[in-house]
Amino acid sequence: MTSEARCAHCRKRPVDPAWRPFCSERCRLFDLQNWLDGRYRVAGGPMSVADATEQDGGGLETDGGEGRD
């Protein structure tokens, strides 16, 4: 059983491969705005900077200031 893909925002079909998983730039931008407005959330509690550093294996990556004038 195969189902045809639908747009993640408006649920129209078919989804144009150029905008996948959306049907258009408009739907892609609506989805992005929902993330930016905080309408979507990732499950879990807030993380502290220390927790984030521990999970990603270190601190911020820097180039040590080399090559700058």
PDB file of N, CA and C in Angstrom:
ATOM      1  N   MET A   1       0.843  -1.181   0.000  1.00  0.00           N
ATOM      2  CA  MET A   1       0.000   0.000   0.000  1.00  0.00           C
ATOM      3  C   MET A   1       0.888   1.244   0.000  1.00  0.00           C
ATOM      4  N   THR A   2       0.775   2.045  -1.026  1.00  0.00           N
ATOM      5  CA  THR A   2       1.550   3.281  -1.089  1.00  0.00           C
ATOM      6  C   THR A   2       0.602   4.461  -1.025  1.00  0.00           C
ATOM      7  N   SER A   3       1.008   5.460  -0.323  1.00  0.00           N
ATOM      8  CA  SER A   3       0.188   6.668  -0.241  1.00  0.00           C
ATOM      9  C   SER A   3       0.965   7.820  -0.867  1.00  0.00           C
ATOM     10  N   GLU A   4       0.256   8.662  -1.570  1.00  0.00           N
ATOM     11  CA  GLU A   4       0.876   9.810  -2.203  1.00  0.00           C
ATOM     12  C   GLU A   4       1.222  10.849  -1.140  1.00  0.00           C
ATOM     13  N   ALA A   5       2.398  11.436  -1.276  1.00  0.00           N
ATOM     14  CA  ALA A   5       2.842  12.432  -0.307  1.00  0.00           C
ATOM     15  C   ALA A   5       1.932  13.653  -0.336  1.00  0.00           C
ATOM     16  N   ARG A   6       1.784  14.268   0.819  1.00  0.00           N
ATOM     17  CA  ARG A   6       0.992  15.489   0.944  1.00  0.00           C
ATOM     18  C   ARG A   6       1.848  16.575   1.571  1.00  0.00           C
ATOM     19  N   CYS A   7       1.468  17.805   1.307  1.00  0.00           N
ATOM     20  CA  CYS A   7       2.161  18.957   1.869  1.00  0.00           C
ATOM     21  C   CYS A   7       2.047  18.923   3.395  1.00  0.00           C
ATOM     22  N   ALA A   8       3.150  19.150   4.075  1.00  0.00           N
ATOM     23  CA  ALA A   8       3.171  19.129   5.543  1.00  0.00           C
ATOM     24  C   ALA A   8       2.375  20.275   6.144  1.00  0.00           C
ATOM     25  N   HIS A   9       2.117  21.315   5.394  1.00  0.00           N
ATOM     26  CA  HIS A   9       1.375  22.461   5.931  1.00  0.00           C
ATOM     27  C   HIS A   9      -0.107  22.427   5.544  1.00  0.00           C
ATOM     28  N   CYS A  10      -0.408  22.402   4.253  1.00  0.00           N
ATOM     29  CA  CYS A  10      -1.799  22.522   3.801  1.00  0.00           C
ATOM     30  C   CYS A  10      -2.447  21.190   3.464  1.00  0.00           C
ATOM     31  N   ARG A  11      -1.665  20.123   3.416  1.00  0.00           N
ATOM     32  CA  ARG A  11      -2.143  18.763   3.139  1.00  0.00           C
ATOM     33  C   ARG A  11      -2.597  18.568   1.688  1.00  0.00           C
ATOM     34  N   LYS A  12      -2.288  19.514   0.779  1.00  0.00           N
ATOM     35  CA  LYS A  12      -2.611  19.329  -0.636  1.00  0.00           C
ATOM     36  C   LYS A  12      -1.694  18.269  -1.210  1.00  0.00           C
ATOM     37  N   ARG A  13      -2.098  17.719  -2.359  1.00  0.00           N
ATOM     38  CA  ARG A  13      -1.224  16.822  -3.071  1.00  0.00           C
ATOM     39  C   ARG A  13      -1.326  17.081  -4.549  1.00  0.00           C
ATOM     40  N   PRO A  14      -0.419  16.701  -5.364  1.00  0.00           N
ATOM     41  CA  PRO A  14       0.862  16.111  -4.987  1.00  0.00           C
ATOM     42  C   PRO A  14       1.869  17.163  -4.537  1.00  0.00           C
ATOM     43  N   VAL A  15       2.860  16.730  -3.820  1.00  0.00           N
ATOM     44  CA  VAL A  15       3.907  17.617  -3.338  1.00  0.00           C
ATOM     45  C   VAL A  15       4.967  17.740  -4.430  1.00  0.00           C
ATOM     46  N   ASP A  16       5.284  18.967  -4.796  1.00  0.00           N
ATOM     47  CA  ASP A  16       6.317  19.211  -5.800  1.00  0.00           C
ATOM     48  C   ASP A  16       7.665  18.851  -5.184  1.00  0.00           C
ATOM     49  N   PRO A  17       8.434  17.981  -5.825  1.00  0.00           N
ATOM     50  CA  PRO A  17       9.731  17.576  -5.256  1.00  0.00           C
ATOM     51  C   PRO A  17      10.656  18.750  -4.942  1.00  0.00           C
ATOM     52  N   ALA A  18      10.513  19.853  -5.655  1.00  0.00           N
ATOM     53  CA  ALA A  18      11.379  21.013  -5.409  1.00  0.00           C
ATOM     54  C   ALA A  18      11.144  21.620  -4.029  1.00  0.00           C
ATOM     55  N   TRP A  19       9.939  21.469  -3.479  1.00  0.00           N
ATOM     56  CA  TRP A  19       9.602  22.083  -2.189  1.00  0.00           C
ATOM     57  C   TRP A  19       9.385  21.052  -1.099  1.00  0.00           C
ATOM     58  N   ARG A  20       9.647  19.806  -1.356  1.00  0.00           N
ATOM     59  CA  ARG A  20       9.351  18.736  -0.425  1.00  0.00           C
ATOM     60  C   ARG A  20       9.878  19.025   0.964  1.00  0.00           C
ATOM     61  N   PRO A  21       9.150  18.837   2.012  1.00  0.00           N
ATOM     62  CA  PRO A  21       7.855  18.168   2.129  1.00  0.00           C
ATOM     63  C   PRO A  21       6.666  19.110   1.981  1.00  0.00           C
ATOM     64  N   PHE A  22       6.865  20.269   1.376  1.00  0.00           N
ATOM     65  CA  PHE A  22       5.788  21.239   1.182  1.00  0.00           C
ATOM     66  C   PHE A  22       5.400  21.263  -0.286  1.00  0.00           C
ATOM     67  N   CYS A  23       4.297  21.938  -0.602  1.00  0.00           N
ATOM     68  CA  CYS A  23       3.850  22.012  -1.996  1.00  0.00           C
ATOM     69  C   CYS A  23       4.337  23.281  -2.677  1.00  0.00           C
ATOM     70  N   SER A  24       4.793  24.255  -1.898  1.00  0.00           N
ATOM     71  CA  SER A  24       5.199  25.536  -2.480  1.00  0.00           C
ATOM     72  C   SER A  24       6.084  26.295  -1.493  1.00  0.00           C
ATOM     73  N   GLU A  25       6.691  27.363  -1.990  1.00  0.00           N
ATOM     74  CA  GLU A  25       7.480  28.223  -1.113  1.00  0.00           C
ATOM     75  C   GLU A  25       6.584  28.856  -0.046  1.00  0.00           C
ATOM     76  N   ARG A  26       5.349  29.183  -0.421  1.00  0.00           N
ATOM     77  CA  ARG A  26       4.401  29.788   0.519  1.00  0.00           C
ATOM     78  C   ARG A  26       4.200  28.890   1.740  1.00  0.00           C
ATOM     79  N   CYS A  27       3.939  27.605   1.517  1.00  0.00           N
ATOM     80  CA  CYS A  27       3.729  26.686   2.647  1.00  0.00           C
ATOM     81  C   CYS A  27       5.010  26.510   3.458  1.00  0.00           C
ATOM     82  N   ARG A  28       6.151  26.489   2.763  1.00  0.00           N
ATOM     83  CA  ARG A  28       7.434  26.368   3.469  1.00  0.00           C
ATOM     84  C   ARG A  28       7.643  27.559   4.392  1.00  0.00           C
ATOM     85  N   LEU A  29       7.325  28.758   3.909  1.00  0.00           N
ATOM     86  CA  LEU A  29       7.499  29.961   4.720  1.00  0.00           C
ATOM     87  C   LEU A  29       6.492  30.034   5.870  1.00  0.00           C
ATOM     88  N   PHE A  30       5.265  29.571   5.656  1.00  0.00           N
ATOM     89  CA  PHE A  30       4.292  29.505   6.753  1.00  0.00           C
ATOM     90  C   PHE A  30       4.812  28.598   7.861  1.00  0.00           C
ATOM     91  N   ASP A  31       5.366  27.454   7.476  1.00  0.00           N
ATOM     92  CA  ASP A  31       5.893  26.524   8.463  1.00  0.00           C
ATOM     93  C   ASP A  31       7.072  27.140   9.228  1.00  0.00           C
ATOM     94  N   LEU A  32       7.959  27.797   8.525  1.00  0.00           N
ATOM     95  CA  LEU A  32       9.091  28.461   9.167  1.00  0.00           C
ATOM     96  C   LEU A  32       8.606  29.517  10.156  1.00  0.00           C
ATOM     97  N   GLN A  33       7.607  30.292   9.757  1.00  0.00           N
ATOM     98  CA  GLN A  33       7.072  31.321  10.651  1.00  0.00           C
ATOM     99  C   GLN A  33       6.467  30.705  11.905  1.00  0.00           C
ATOM    100  N   ASN A  34       5.819  29.549  11.769  1.00  0.00           N
ATOM    101  CA  ASN A  34       5.272  28.859  12.942  1.00  0.00           C
ATOM    102  C   ASN A  34       6.380  28.476  13.919  1.00  0.00           C
ATOM    103  N   TRP A  35       7.522  28.015  13.401  1.00  0.00           N
ATOM    104  CA  TRP A  35       8.654  27.698  14.284  1.00  0.00           C
ATOM    105  C   TRP A  35       9.175  28.970  14.954  1.00  0.00           C
ATOM    106  N   LEU A  36       9.331  30.032  14.178  1.00  0.00           N
ATOM    107  CA  LEU A  36       9.872  31.283  14.719  1.00  0.00           C
ATOM    108  C   LEU A  36       8.953  31.916  15.753  1.00  0.00           C
ATOM    109  N   ASP A  37       7.644  31.749  15.580  1.00  0.00           N
ATOM    110  CA  ASP A  37       6.664  32.290  16.531  1.00  0.00           C
ATOM    111  C   ASP A  37       6.501  31.417  17.765  1.00  0.00           C
ATOM    112  N   GLY A  38       7.142  30.254  17.786  1.00  0.00           N
ATOM    113  CA  GLY A  38       7.041  29.361  18.942  1.00  0.00           C
ATOM    114  C   GLY A  38       5.780  28.510  18.955  1.00  0.00           C
ATOM    115  N   ARG A  39       5.107  28.394  17.816  1.00  0.00           N
ATOM    116  CA  ARG A  39       3.899  27.557  17.755  1.00  0.00           C
ATOM    117  C   ARG A  39       4.242  26.076  17.775  1.00  0.00           C
ATOM    118  N   TYR A  40       5.434  25.731  17.302  1.00  0.00           N
ATOM    119  CA  TYR A  40       5.916  24.351  17.348  1.00  0.00           C
ATOM    120  C   TYR A  40       6.950  24.276  18.457  1.00  0.00           C
ATOM    121  N   ARG A  41       6.973  23.149  19.135  1.00  0.00           N
ATOM    122  CA  ARG A  41       7.963  22.963  20.206  1.00  0.00           C
ATOM    123  C   ARG A  41       8.486  21.545  20.161  1.00  0.00           C
ATOM    124  N   VAL A  42       9.734  21.384  20.548  1.00  0.00           N
ATOM    125  CA  VAL A  42      10.346  20.073  20.674  1.00  0.00           C
ATOM    126  C   VAL A  42      10.098  19.601  22.097  1.00  0.00           C
ATOM    127  N   ALA A  43       9.673  18.348  22.254  1.00  0.00           N
ATOM    128  CA  ALA A  43       9.361  17.803  23.579  1.00  0.00           C
ATOM    129  C   ALA A  43      10.595  17.818  24.476  1.00  0.00           C
ATOM    130  N   GLY A  44      10.386  18.076  25.750  1.00  0.00           N
ATOM    131  CA  GLY A  44      11.467  18.084  26.724  1.00  0.00           C
ATOM    132  C   GLY A  44      11.539  19.421  27.430  1.00  0.00           C
ATOM    133  N   GLY A  45      12.244  19.419  28.522  1.00  0.00           N
ATOM    134  CA  GLY A  45      12.387  20.633  29.305  1.00  0.00           C
ATOM    135  C   GLY A  45      13.453  21.540  28.743  1.00  0.00           C
ATOM    136  N   PRO A  46      13.507  22.761  29.246  1.00  0.00           N
ATOM    137  CA  PRO A  46      14.539  23.698  28.802  1.00  0.00           C
ATOM    138  C   PRO A  46      15.929  23.202  29.176  1.00  0.00           C
ATOM    139  N   MET A  47      16.906  23.553  28.354  1.00  0.00           N
ATOM    140  CA  MET A  47      18.287  23.148  28.615  1.00  0.00           C
ATOM    141  C   MET A  47      19.105  24.361  29.028  1.00  0.00           C
ATOM    142  N   SER A  48      20.030  24.119  29.934  1.00  0.00           N
ATOM    143  CA  SER A  48      20.967  25.179  30.298  1.00  0.00           C
ATOM    144  C   SER A  48      22.133  25.156  29.308  1.00  0.00           C
ATOM    145  N   VAL A  49      22.938  26.187  29.293  1.00  0.00           N
ATOM    146  CA  VAL A  49      24.103  26.233  28.422  1.00  0.00           C
ATOM    147  C   VAL A  49      25.048  25.090  28.771  1.00  0.00           C
ATOM    148  N   ALA A  50      25.209  24.792  30.048  1.00  0.00           N
ATOM    149  CA  ALA A  50      26.088  23.703  30.477  1.00  0.00           C
ATOM    150  C   ALA A  50      25.595  22.365  29.940  1.00  0.00           C
ATOM    151  N   ASP A  51      24.275  22.132  29.979  1.00  0.00           N
ATOM    152  CA  ASP A  51      23.716  20.887  29.453  1.00  0.00           C
ATOM    153  C   ASP A  51      23.972  20.767  27.955  1.00  0.00           C
ATOM    154  N   ALA A  52      23.768  21.843  27.229  1.00  0.00           N
ATOM    155  CA  ALA A  52      23.962  21.837  25.784  1.00  0.00           C
ATOM    156  C   ALA A  52      25.421  21.573  25.443  1.00  0.00           C
ATOM    157  N   THR A  53      26.350  22.182  26.162  1.00  0.00           N
ATOM    158  CA  THR A  53      27.773  21.984  25.935  1.00  0.00           C
ATOM    159  C   THR A  53      28.155  20.541  26.201  1.00  0.00           C
ATOM    160  N   GLU A  54      27.613  19.955  27.253  1.00  0.00           N
ATOM    161  CA  GLU A  54      27.899  18.569  27.601  1.00  0.00           C
ATOM    162  C   GLU A  54      27.392  17.623  26.508  1.00  0.00           C
ATOM    163  N   GLN A  55      26.229  17.882  25.954  1.00  0.00           N
ATOM    164  CA  GLN A  55      25.639  17.007  24.957  1.00  0.00           C
ATOM    165  C   GLN A  55      26.328  17.085  23.605  1.00  0.00           C
ATOM    166  N   ASP A  56      26.825  18.261  23.209  1.00  0.00           N
ATOM    167  CA  ASP A  56      27.426  18.365  21.881  1.00  0.00           C
ATOM    168  C   ASP A  56      28.930  18.074  21.894  1.00  0.00           C
ATOM    169  N   GLY A  57      29.472  17.720  23.021  1.00  0.00           N
ATOM    170  CA  GLY A  57      30.862  17.295  23.088  1.00  0.00           C
ATOM    171  C   GLY A  57      31.867  18.417  23.238  1.00  0.00           C
ATOM    172  N   GLY A  58      31.438  19.592  23.569  1.00  0.00           N
ATOM    173  CA  GLY A  58      32.393  20.676  23.750  1.00  0.00           C
ATOM    174  C   GLY A  58      31.731  22.024  23.642  1.00  0.00           C
ATOM    175  N   GLY A  59      32.556  23.026  23.602  1.00  0.00           N
ATOM    176  CA  GLY A  59      32.052  24.392  23.524  1.00  0.00           C
ATOM    177  C   GLY A  59      31.925  24.845  22.089  1.00  0.00           C
ATOM    178  N   LEU A  60      31.906  26.133  21.906  1.00  0.00           N
ATOM    179  CA  LEU A  60      31.802  26.710  20.579  1.00  0.00           C
ATOM    180  C   LEU A  60      33.071  26.442  19.790  1.00  0.00           C
ATOM    181  N   GLU A  61      32.901  26.185  18.510  1.00  0.00           N
ATOM    182  CA  GLU A  61      34.060  25.981  17.655  1.00  0.00           C
ATOM    183  C   GLU A  61      34.597  27.343  17.233  1.00  0.00           C
ATOM    184  N   THR A  62      35.886  27.527  17.366  1.00  0.00           N
ATOM    185  CA  THR A  62      36.511  28.775  16.946  1.00  0.00           C
ATOM    186  C   THR A  62      37.739  28.456  16.126  1.00  0.00           C
ATOM    187  N   ASP A  63      38.198  29.425  15.372  1.00  0.00           N
ATOM    188  CA  ASP A  63      39.406  29.217  14.573  1.00  0.00           C
ATOM    189  C   ASP A  63      40.639  29.756  15.299  1.00  0.00           C
ATOM    190  N   GLY A  64      40.479  30.166  16.543  1.00  0.00           N
ATOM    191  CA  GLY A  64      41.604  30.649  17.319  1.00  0.00           C
ATOM    192  C   GLY A  64      42.078  32.034  16.935  1.00  0.00           C
ATOM    193  N   GLY A  65      41.321  32.718  16.079  1.00  0.00           N
ATOM    194  CA  GLY A  65      41.688  34.069  15.688  1.00  0.00           C
ATOM    195  C   GLY A  65      42.736  34.133  14.606  1.00  0.00           C
ATOM    196  N   GLU A  66      43.146  32.972  14.081  1.00  0.00           N
ATOM    197  CA  GLU A  66      44.170  32.960  13.047  1.00  0.00           C
ATOM    198  C   GLU A  66      43.591  33.448  11.727  1.00  0.00           C
ATOM    199  N   GLY A  67      44.395  34.122  10.952  1.00  0.00           N
ATOM    200  CA  GLY A  67      44.000  34.581   9.636  1.00  0.00           C
ATOM    201  C   GLY A  67      43.198  35.865   9.639  1.00  0.00           C
ATOM    202  N   ARG A  68      43.102  36.501  10.761  1.00  0.00           N
ATOM    203  CA  ARG A  68      42.369  37.772  10.813  1.00  0.00           C
ATOM    204  C   ARG A  68      43.350  38.918  10.803  1.00  0.00           C
ATOM    205  N   ASP A  69      42.977  39.978  10.118  1.00  0.00           N
ATOM    206  CA  ASP A  69      43.859  41.157  10.066  1.00  0.00           C
ATOM    207  C   ASP A  69      43.420  42.185  11.056  1.00  0.00           C
TER     208      ASP A  69
END
